[in-house]
Amino acid sequence: MTKYTLLMALTLAMLMLFAPMLYADSGAYGYIVDPNGNPVGGEVVTVLDSNSGVVAMTTTGPNGFFQVALLPGTYTLRVSKAGYVDKTIQFTYGKTGYPVFLGNITLDYAVQYSLPVRNITIPILTYISFPFTNTNKGPRPEDVGLARKKRNIETHTF
């Protein structure tokens, strides 16, 4: 092996080793919150390129914060966690070198309830029924507990 070939191989190896550090402070970042503005930790954040290929993946911290290093381009951010509706956001990261702040990304709850009863007086030992609607807008089945009697919880999957 000649000195030139050895030098080129060493230079290439060093570039490959330190290239991720060049992009450590670039890319996109933001916070994932629930409908009440509370942080959602443990959320999987995936960044896809224009061909739907995964280019970055991370998990939010307990404060809902995430950050991914990216090269300039147009991307789709996909956020996913059980109990919430998956969300996608398209964004472009330019050549400025400054990270893109995606802000607070609010996720909706997957399971939504509708109980159209407001004020009701029930005589003792009377049987009543009323409509109850449960909708799962998320991609996964969710377990829901319904209290039927004191200390008796039924669990249903919707």
N, C-alpha and C. Protein backbone atom coordinates (compact mmCIF):
# COMPACT_ATOMS: atom_id res chain seq x y z
N MET A 1 0.85 -1.16 0.00
CA MET A 1 0.00 0.00 0.00
C MET A 1 0.91 1.24 0.00
N THR A 2 0.65 2.15 -0.90
CA THR A 2 1.48 3.36 -0.99
C THR A 2 1.08 4.35 0.11
N LYS A 3 1.94 5.32 0.34
CA LYS A 3 1.67 6.33 1.36
C LYS A 3 0.43 7.15 0.98
N TYR A 4 0.25 7.41 -0.32
CA TYR A 4 -0.90 8.19 -0.79
C TYR A 4 -2.20 7.44 -0.50
N THR A 5 -2.24 6.16 -0.81
CA THR A 5 -3.44 5.35 -0.57
C THR A 5 -3.75 5.28 0.92
N LEU A 6 -2.72 5.11 1.72
CA LEU A 6 -2.90 5.05 3.16
C LEU A 6 -3.42 6.39 3.70
N LEU A 7 -2.89 7.50 3.19
CA LEU A 7 -3.33 8.82 3.60
C LEU A 7 -4.79 9.06 3.21
N MET A 8 -5.17 8.66 2.01
CA MET A 8 -6.55 8.82 1.55
C MET A 8 -7.50 7.98 2.40
N ALA A 9 -7.12 6.75 2.70
CA ALA A 9 -7.96 5.88 3.52
C ALA A 9 -8.13 6.45 4.92
N LEU A 10 -7.06 6.97 5.49
CA LEU A 10 -7.12 7.57 6.82
C LEU A 10 -7.99 8.83 6.82
N THR A 11 -7.86 9.66 5.78
CA THR A 11 -8.68 10.86 5.66
C THR A 11 -10.15 10.51 5.54
N LEU A 12 -10.47 9.54 4.73
CA LEU A 12 -11.86 9.10 4.56
C LEU A 12 -12.42 8.56 5.87
N ALA A 13 -11.62 7.78 6.57
CA ALA A 13 -12.07 7.23 7.86
C ALA A 13 -12.34 8.35 8.86
N MET A 14 -11.50 9.36 8.89
CA MET A 14 -11.70 10.48 9.81
C MET A 14 -12.95 11.27 9.45
N LEU A 15 -13.19 11.47 8.16
CA LEU A 15 -14.40 12.17 7.74
C LEU A 15 -15.65 11.41 8.16
N MET A 16 -15.64 10.11 7.98
CA MET A 16 -16.79 9.29 8.36
C MET A 16 -16.99 9.31 9.87
N LEU A 17 -15.92 9.36 10.61
CA LEU A 17 -15.99 9.36 12.06
C LEU A 17 -16.56 10.67 12.60
N PHE A 18 -16.15 11.79 12.03
CA PHE A 18 -16.54 13.09 12.56
C PHE A 18 -17.72 13.74 11.82
N ALA A 19 -18.20 13.17 10.74
CA ALA A 19 -19.31 13.76 9.99
C ALA A 19 -20.56 13.95 10.85
N PRO A 20 -20.96 12.98 11.68
CA PRO A 20 -22.15 13.22 12.51
C PRO A 20 -22.02 14.42 13.43
N MET A 21 -20.83 14.73 13.87
CA MET A 21 -20.63 15.88 14.76
C MET A 21 -20.89 17.20 14.04
N LEU A 22 -20.70 17.23 12.74
CA LEU A 22 -20.95 18.45 11.98
C LEU A 22 -22.42 18.81 11.99
N TYR A 23 -23.28 17.80 12.13
CA TYR A 23 -24.72 18.02 12.09
C TYR A 23 -25.38 17.88 13.45
N ALA A 24 -24.61 17.83 14.53
CA ALA A 24 -25.17 17.62 15.87
C ALA A 24 -26.09 18.76 16.28
N ASP A 25 -25.81 19.98 15.88
CA ASP A 25 -26.64 21.12 16.26
C ASP A 25 -27.56 21.55 15.13
N SER A 26 -27.79 20.69 14.17
CA SER A 26 -28.66 21.05 13.05
C SER A 26 -29.79 20.05 12.95
N GLY A 27 -30.83 20.43 12.26
CA GLY A 27 -31.96 19.53 12.09
C GLY A 27 -33.23 20.16 12.58
N ALA A 28 -33.98 19.43 13.41
CA ALA A 28 -35.27 19.92 13.90
C ALA A 28 -35.45 19.52 15.35
N TYR A 29 -36.24 20.33 16.06
CA TYR A 29 -36.54 20.02 17.45
C TYR A 29 -37.90 20.61 17.81
N GLY A 30 -38.45 20.16 18.91
CA GLY A 30 -39.74 20.66 19.37
C GLY A 30 -40.19 19.91 20.61
N TYR A 31 -41.45 20.11 20.94
CA TYR A 31 -42.06 19.48 22.11
C TYR A 31 -43.36 18.79 21.71
N ILE A 32 -43.62 17.66 22.33
CA ILE A 32 -44.88 16.94 22.12
C ILE A 32 -45.71 17.14 23.38
N VAL A 33 -46.96 17.63 23.20
CA VAL A 33 -47.84 17.87 24.34
C VAL A 33 -49.21 17.25 24.09
N ASP A 34 -49.96 17.02 25.18
CA ASP A 34 -51.32 16.49 25.06
C ASP A 34 -52.29 17.66 24.88
N PRO A 35 -53.60 17.41 24.72
CA PRO A 35 -54.55 18.50 24.49
C PRO A 35 -54.60 19.54 25.62
N ASN A 36 -54.15 19.16 26.82
CA ASN A 36 -54.13 20.09 27.95
C ASN A 36 -52.81 20.86 28.05
N GLY A 37 -51.89 20.62 27.12
CA GLY A 37 -50.60 21.30 27.14
C GLY A 37 -49.54 20.63 28.00
N ASN A 38 -49.85 19.45 28.54
CA ASN A 38 -48.89 18.72 29.36
C ASN A 38 -47.92 17.95 28.47
N PRO A 39 -46.64 17.89 28.85
CA PRO A 39 -45.67 17.16 28.02
C PRO A 39 -45.98 15.67 27.95
N VAL A 40 -45.69 15.08 26.80
CA VAL A 40 -45.88 13.65 26.59
C VAL A 40 -44.51 13.02 26.42
N GLY A 41 -44.05 12.29 27.42
CA GLY A 41 -42.76 11.62 27.36
C GLY A 41 -42.90 10.22 26.80
N GLY A 42 -41.82 9.70 26.26
CA GLY A 42 -41.82 8.34 25.73
C GLY A 42 -42.46 8.22 24.36
N GLU A 43 -42.68 9.32 23.71
CA GLU A 43 -43.29 9.35 22.38
C GLU A 43 -42.22 9.02 21.33
N VAL A 44 -42.56 8.16 20.37
CA VAL A 44 -41.62 7.83 19.30
C VAL A 44 -41.76 8.87 18.19
N VAL A 45 -40.65 9.53 17.86
CA VAL A 45 -40.63 10.54 16.80
C VAL A 45 -39.77 9.99 15.67
N THR A 46 -40.38 9.86 14.48
CA THR A 46 -39.69 9.32 13.31
C THR A 46 -39.67 10.38 12.22
N VAL A 47 -38.53 10.56 11.58
CA VAL A 47 -38.41 11.51 10.46
C VAL A 47 -38.21 10.71 9.19
N LEU A 48 -39.06 10.99 8.19
CA LEU A 48 -39.02 10.30 6.90
C LEU A 48 -38.58 11.27 5.81
N ASP A 49 -37.84 10.77 4.82
CA ASP A 49 -37.47 11.60 3.68
C ASP A 49 -38.59 11.58 2.65
N SER A 50 -38.36 12.22 1.51
CA SER A 50 -39.40 12.32 0.47
C SER A 50 -39.78 10.98 -0.14
N ASN A 51 -38.95 9.96 0.05
CA ASN A 51 -39.25 8.61 -0.44
C ASN A 51 -39.81 7.71 0.66
N SER A 52 -40.23 8.31 1.78
CA SER A 52 -40.76 7.60 2.95
C SER A 52 -39.74 6.70 3.62
N GLY A 53 -38.47 6.98 3.40
CA GLY A 53 -37.41 6.24 4.09
C GLY A 53 -37.11 6.89 5.43
N VAL A 54 -36.88 6.07 6.45
CA VAL A 54 -36.57 6.59 7.78
C VAL A 54 -35.15 7.15 7.80
N VAL A 55 -35.02 8.44 8.16
CA VAL A 55 -33.70 9.07 8.23
C VAL A 55 -33.28 9.38 9.66
N ALA A 56 -34.25 9.42 10.57
CA ALA A 56 -33.94 9.66 11.98
C ALA A 56 -35.09 9.16 12.83
N MET A 57 -34.74 8.72 14.05
CA MET A 57 -35.75 8.26 14.98
C MET A 57 -35.26 8.56 16.39
N THR A 58 -36.16 9.04 17.24
CA THR A 58 -35.81 9.33 18.63
C THR A 58 -37.05 9.17 19.49
N THR A 59 -36.87 9.29 20.79
CA THR A 59 -37.98 9.22 21.75
C THR A 59 -37.96 10.50 22.57
N THR A 60 -39.15 11.05 22.84
CA THR A 60 -39.21 12.27 23.63
C THR A 60 -38.81 11.99 25.07
N GLY A 61 -38.22 13.00 25.69
CA GLY A 61 -37.87 12.90 27.10
C GLY A 61 -39.10 13.15 27.96
N PRO A 62 -38.95 13.14 29.29
CA PRO A 62 -40.10 13.33 30.17
C PRO A 62 -40.77 14.70 30.01
N ASN A 63 -40.04 15.68 29.49
CA ASN A 63 -40.61 17.00 29.25
C ASN A 63 -41.18 17.14 27.84
N GLY A 64 -41.25 16.04 27.08
CA GLY A 64 -41.80 16.06 25.73
C GLY A 64 -40.85 16.55 24.66
N PHE A 65 -39.60 16.86 25.02
CA PHE A 65 -38.63 17.42 24.08
C PHE A 65 -38.04 16.34 23.17
N PHE A 66 -37.84 16.71 21.90
CA PHE A 66 -37.14 15.84 20.96
C PHE A 66 -36.24 16.70 20.08
N GLN A 67 -35.19 16.07 19.55
CA GLN A 67 -34.28 16.74 18.62
C GLN A 67 -33.69 15.68 17.71
N VAL A 68 -33.65 15.98 16.41
CA VAL A 68 -33.07 15.05 15.44
C VAL A 68 -32.09 15.82 14.55
N ALA A 69 -30.97 15.20 14.23
CA ALA A 69 -29.98 15.78 13.33
C ALA A 69 -30.33 15.40 11.90
N LEU A 70 -30.30 16.38 11.00
CA LEU A 70 -30.70 16.16 9.61
C LEU A 70 -29.80 16.92 8.66
N LEU A 71 -29.76 16.44 7.43
CA LEU A 71 -29.16 17.18 6.32
C LEU A 71 -30.25 18.06 5.72
N PRO A 72 -29.91 19.11 4.98
CA PRO A 72 -30.95 19.94 4.36
C PRO A 72 -31.87 19.11 3.46
N GLY A 73 -33.17 19.40 3.53
CA GLY A 73 -34.15 18.69 2.72
C GLY A 73 -35.55 18.87 3.26
N THR A 74 -36.51 18.23 2.59
CA THR A 74 -37.90 18.25 3.01
C THR A 74 -38.22 16.92 3.66
N TYR A 75 -38.88 16.97 4.81
CA TYR A 75 -39.11 15.78 5.61
C TYR A 75 -40.55 15.71 6.12
N THR A 76 -40.92 14.52 6.56
CA THR A 76 -42.18 14.30 7.25
C THR A 76 -41.86 13.78 8.64
N LEU A 77 -42.39 14.45 9.64
CA LEU A 77 -42.21 14.03 11.03
C LEU A 77 -43.44 13.22 11.42
N ARG A 78 -43.24 12.02 11.95
CA ARG A 78 -44.35 11.17 12.38
C ARG A 78 -44.19 10.91 13.87
N VAL A 79 -45.25 11.19 14.63
CA VAL A 79 -45.24 11.02 16.08
C VAL A 79 -46.24 9.93 16.44
N SER A 80 -45.82 8.99 17.30
CA SER A 80 -46.66 7.84 17.60
C SER A 80 -46.50 7.41 19.05
N LYS A 81 -47.65 7.24 19.74
CA LYS A 81 -47.64 6.68 21.10
C LYS A 81 -49.02 6.12 21.41
N ALA A 82 -49.05 4.99 22.10
CA ALA A 82 -50.32 4.38 22.50
C ALA A 82 -51.12 5.38 23.33
N GLY A 83 -52.41 5.42 23.08
CA GLY A 83 -53.29 6.34 23.80
C GLY A 83 -53.53 7.65 23.08
N TYR A 84 -52.78 7.88 21.99
CA TYR A 84 -52.90 9.13 21.24
C TYR A 84 -53.06 8.83 19.75
N VAL A 85 -53.65 9.77 19.03
CA VAL A 85 -53.77 9.67 17.58
C VAL A 85 -52.40 10.01 16.98
N ASP A 86 -51.92 9.17 16.04
CA ASP A 86 -50.65 9.46 15.37
C ASP A 86 -50.77 10.79 14.62
N LYS A 87 -49.66 11.52 14.55
CA LYS A 87 -49.67 12.81 13.86
C LYS A 87 -48.48 12.91 12.94
N THR A 88 -48.67 13.52 11.76
CA THR A 88 -47.58 13.75 10.83
C THR A 88 -47.52 15.25 10.49
N ILE A 89 -46.30 15.73 10.33
CA ILE A 89 -46.07 17.13 9.98
C ILE A 89 -44.98 17.18 8.92
N GLN A 90 -45.20 17.95 7.87
CA GLN A 90 -44.16 18.13 6.85
C GLN A 90 -43.42 19.43 7.14
N PHE A 91 -42.10 19.40 6.95
CA PHE A 91 -41.29 20.58 7.17
C PHE A 91 -40.06 20.52 6.29
N THR A 92 -39.42 21.67 6.11
CA THR A 92 -38.20 21.76 5.33
C THR A 92 -37.09 22.29 6.21
N TYR A 93 -35.97 21.60 6.17
CA TYR A 93 -34.77 22.07 6.87
C TYR A 93 -33.84 22.61 5.80
N GLY A 94 -33.50 23.90 5.89
CA GLY A 94 -32.68 24.55 4.87
C GLY A 94 -31.20 24.44 5.13
N LYS A 95 -30.45 25.20 4.38
CA LYS A 95 -28.99 25.17 4.45
C LYS A 95 -28.44 26.22 5.41
N THR A 96 -29.28 26.78 6.27
CA THR A 96 -28.82 27.84 7.17
C THR A 96 -27.89 27.32 8.25
N GLY A 97 -28.01 26.06 8.59
CA GLY A 97 -27.21 25.50 9.67
C GLY A 97 -27.88 25.64 11.02
N TYR A 98 -28.98 26.41 11.07
CA TYR A 98 -29.72 26.57 12.31
C TYR A 98 -30.85 25.54 12.36
N PRO A 99 -31.07 24.94 13.51
CA PRO A 99 -32.15 23.95 13.61
C PRO A 99 -33.53 24.59 13.44
N VAL A 100 -34.47 23.81 12.94
CA VAL A 100 -35.85 24.25 12.75
C VAL A 100 -36.63 23.94 14.02
N PHE A 101 -37.25 24.97 14.62
CA PHE A 101 -38.10 24.75 15.80
C PHE A 101 -39.51 24.47 15.32
N LEU A 102 -39.99 23.26 15.58
CA LEU A 102 -41.32 22.85 15.13
C LEU A 102 -42.41 23.22 16.14
N GLY A 103 -42.03 23.81 17.26
CA GLY A 103 -43.00 24.28 18.24
C GLY A 103 -43.55 23.16 19.10
N ASN A 104 -44.69 23.46 19.74
CA ASN A 104 -45.41 22.46 20.52
C ASN A 104 -46.34 21.71 19.59
N ILE A 105 -46.13 20.43 19.46
CA ILE A 105 -46.97 19.59 18.61
C ILE A 105 -47.99 18.92 19.52
N THR A 106 -49.26 19.24 19.33
CA THR A 106 -50.33 18.74 20.20
C THR A 106 -50.93 17.47 19.62
N LEU A 107 -50.97 16.43 20.45
CA LEU A 107 -51.58 15.16 20.06
C LEU A 107 -52.96 15.05 20.68
N ASP A 108 -53.90 14.51 19.92
CA ASP A 108 -55.24 14.25 20.43
C ASP A 108 -55.28 12.89 21.09
N TYR A 109 -56.15 12.76 22.09
CA TYR A 109 -56.34 11.45 22.72
C TYR A 109 -57.00 10.51 21.72
N ALA A 110 -56.59 9.25 21.72
CA ALA A 110 -57.15 8.28 20.79
C ALA A 110 -58.60 7.95 21.13
N VAL A 111 -58.88 7.76 22.41
CA VAL A 111 -60.23 7.36 22.83
C VAL A 111 -60.99 8.60 23.27
N GLN A 112 -62.19 8.75 22.71
CA GLN A 112 -63.04 9.88 23.06
C GLN A 112 -64.39 9.35 23.50
N TYR A 113 -64.96 10.01 24.51
CA TYR A 113 -66.22 9.57 25.09
C TYR A 113 -67.30 10.60 24.84
N SER A 114 -68.52 10.12 24.75
CA SER A 114 -69.66 11.01 24.64
C SER A 114 -70.76 10.46 25.53
N LEU A 115 -71.12 11.22 26.54
CA LEU A 115 -72.18 10.84 27.47
C LEU A 115 -73.08 12.05 27.61
N PRO A 116 -74.20 12.07 26.87
CA PRO A 116 -75.02 13.28 26.82
C PRO A 116 -75.95 13.46 28.02
N VAL A 117 -75.51 13.09 29.23
CA VAL A 117 -76.31 13.28 30.44
C VAL A 117 -75.63 14.36 31.27
N ARG A 118 -76.38 15.36 31.66
CA ARG A 118 -75.80 16.44 32.46
C ARG A 118 -76.24 16.34 33.91
N ASN A 119 -77.47 16.65 34.19
CA ASN A 119 -78.00 16.56 35.55
C ASN A 119 -79.16 15.59 35.55
N ILE A 120 -79.11 14.64 36.45
CA ILE A 120 -80.17 13.65 36.49
C ILE A 120 -80.40 13.24 37.94
N THR A 121 -81.65 13.10 38.30
CA THR A 121 -82.02 12.63 39.63
C THR A 121 -82.62 11.24 39.45
N ILE A 122 -82.10 10.28 40.20
CA ILE A 122 -82.54 8.89 40.05
C ILE A 122 -83.15 8.44 41.38
N PRO A 123 -84.41 8.04 41.34
CA PRO A 123 -85.01 7.49 42.56
C PRO A 123 -84.27 6.21 42.98
N ILE A 124 -84.26 5.94 44.27
CA ILE A 124 -83.58 4.76 44.81
C ILE A 124 -84.19 3.49 44.21
N LEU A 125 -83.31 2.53 43.93
CA LEU A 125 -83.67 1.21 43.37
C LEU A 125 -84.33 1.31 42.00
N THR A 126 -83.95 2.30 41.23
CA THR A 126 -84.48 2.46 39.89
C THR A 126 -83.41 2.10 38.88
N TYR A 127 -83.80 1.36 37.86
CA TYR A 127 -82.89 1.00 36.77
C TYR A 127 -82.98 2.07 35.70
N ILE A 128 -81.83 2.56 35.26
CA ILE A 128 -81.82 3.53 34.17
C ILE A 128 -80.83 3.08 33.11
N SER A 129 -81.01 3.60 31.94
CA SER A 129 -80.02 3.40 30.88
C SER A 129 -79.91 4.72 30.11
N PHE A 130 -78.76 4.93 29.55
CA PHE A 130 -78.54 6.13 28.76
C PHE A 130 -77.47 5.82 27.72
N PRO A 131 -77.48 6.56 26.61
CA PRO A 131 -76.51 6.28 25.54
C PRO A 131 -75.09 6.69 25.95
N PHE A 132 -74.16 5.85 25.60
CA PHE A 132 -72.74 6.11 25.86
C PHE A 132 -72.00 5.77 24.58
N THR A 133 -71.25 6.72 24.06
CA THR A 133 -70.50 6.49 22.83
C THR A 133 -69.01 6.55 23.12
N ASN A 134 -68.29 5.57 22.63
CA ASN A 134 -66.84 5.52 22.79
C ASN A 134 -66.23 5.37 21.40
N THR A 135 -65.34 6.28 21.04
CA THR A 135 -64.72 6.26 19.72
C THR A 135 -63.21 6.19 19.86
N ASN A 136 -62.58 5.28 19.12
CA ASN A 136 -61.12 5.18 19.10
C ASN A 136 -60.63 5.74 17.78
N LYS A 137 -59.98 6.89 17.82
CA LYS A 137 -59.46 7.52 16.61
C LYS A 137 -58.00 7.16 16.34
N GLY A 138 -57.41 6.39 17.24
CA GLY A 138 -56.01 6.00 17.09
C GLY A 138 -55.86 4.74 16.27
N PRO A 139 -54.62 4.38 15.92
CA PRO A 139 -54.36 3.21 15.09
C PRO A 139 -54.31 1.89 15.86
N ARG A 140 -54.31 1.96 17.20
CA ARG A 140 -54.17 0.76 18.02
C ARG A 140 -55.40 0.56 18.90
N PRO A 141 -55.71 -0.68 19.28
CA PRO A 141 -56.79 -0.91 20.25
C PRO A 141 -56.40 -0.31 21.60
N GLU A 142 -57.37 0.24 22.31
CA GLU A 142 -57.13 0.85 23.62
C GLU A 142 -58.06 0.22 24.64
N ASP A 143 -57.55 -0.05 25.84
CA ASP A 143 -58.36 -0.57 26.93
C ASP A 143 -59.00 0.59 27.68
N VAL A 144 -60.29 0.44 27.99
CA VAL A 144 -61.04 1.48 28.68
C VAL A 144 -61.75 0.84 29.86
N GLY A 145 -61.63 1.44 31.03
CA GLY A 145 -62.33 0.94 32.21
C GLY A 145 -63.63 1.69 32.43
N LEU A 146 -64.72 0.94 32.65
CA LEU A 146 -66.03 1.53 32.92
C LEU A 146 -66.47 1.10 34.31
N ALA A 147 -66.76 2.07 35.18
CA ALA A 147 -67.23 1.75 36.53
C ALA A 147 -68.71 1.43 36.47
N ARG A 148 -69.07 0.23 36.91
CA ARG A 148 -70.47 -0.20 36.89
C ARG A 148 -71.07 -0.11 38.27
N LYS A 149 -70.35 -0.55 39.27
CA LYS A 149 -70.78 -0.47 40.65
C LYS A 149 -69.58 -0.02 41.46
N LYS A 150 -69.80 0.28 42.70
CA LYS A 150 -68.67 0.65 43.55
C LYS A 150 -67.64 -0.46 43.54
N ARG A 151 -66.41 -0.09 43.30
CA ARG A 151 -65.26 -0.99 43.30
C ARG A 151 -65.36 -2.12 42.27
N ASN A 152 -66.18 -1.96 41.28
CA ASN A 152 -66.28 -2.97 40.23
C ASN A 152 -66.01 -2.28 38.90
N ILE A 153 -64.88 -2.58 38.30
CA ILE A 153 -64.49 -1.95 37.04
C ILE A 153 -64.50 -3.00 35.94
N GLU A 154 -65.18 -2.70 34.87
CA GLU A 154 -65.14 -3.56 33.68
C GLU A 154 -64.16 -2.94 32.70
N THR A 155 -63.35 -3.77 32.07
CA THR A 155 -62.41 -3.27 31.07
C THR A 155 -62.84 -3.76 29.70
N HIS A 156 -62.92 -2.84 28.77
CA HIS A 156 -63.32 -3.16 27.40
C HIS A 156 -62.26 -2.64 26.45
N THR A 157 -62.04 -3.35 25.36
CA THR A 157 -61.10 -2.90 24.34
C THR A 157 -61.89 -2.36 23.16
N PHE A 158 -61.53 -1.14 22.74
CA PHE A 158 -62.21 -0.50 21.61
C PHE A 158 -61.22 -0.26 20.51
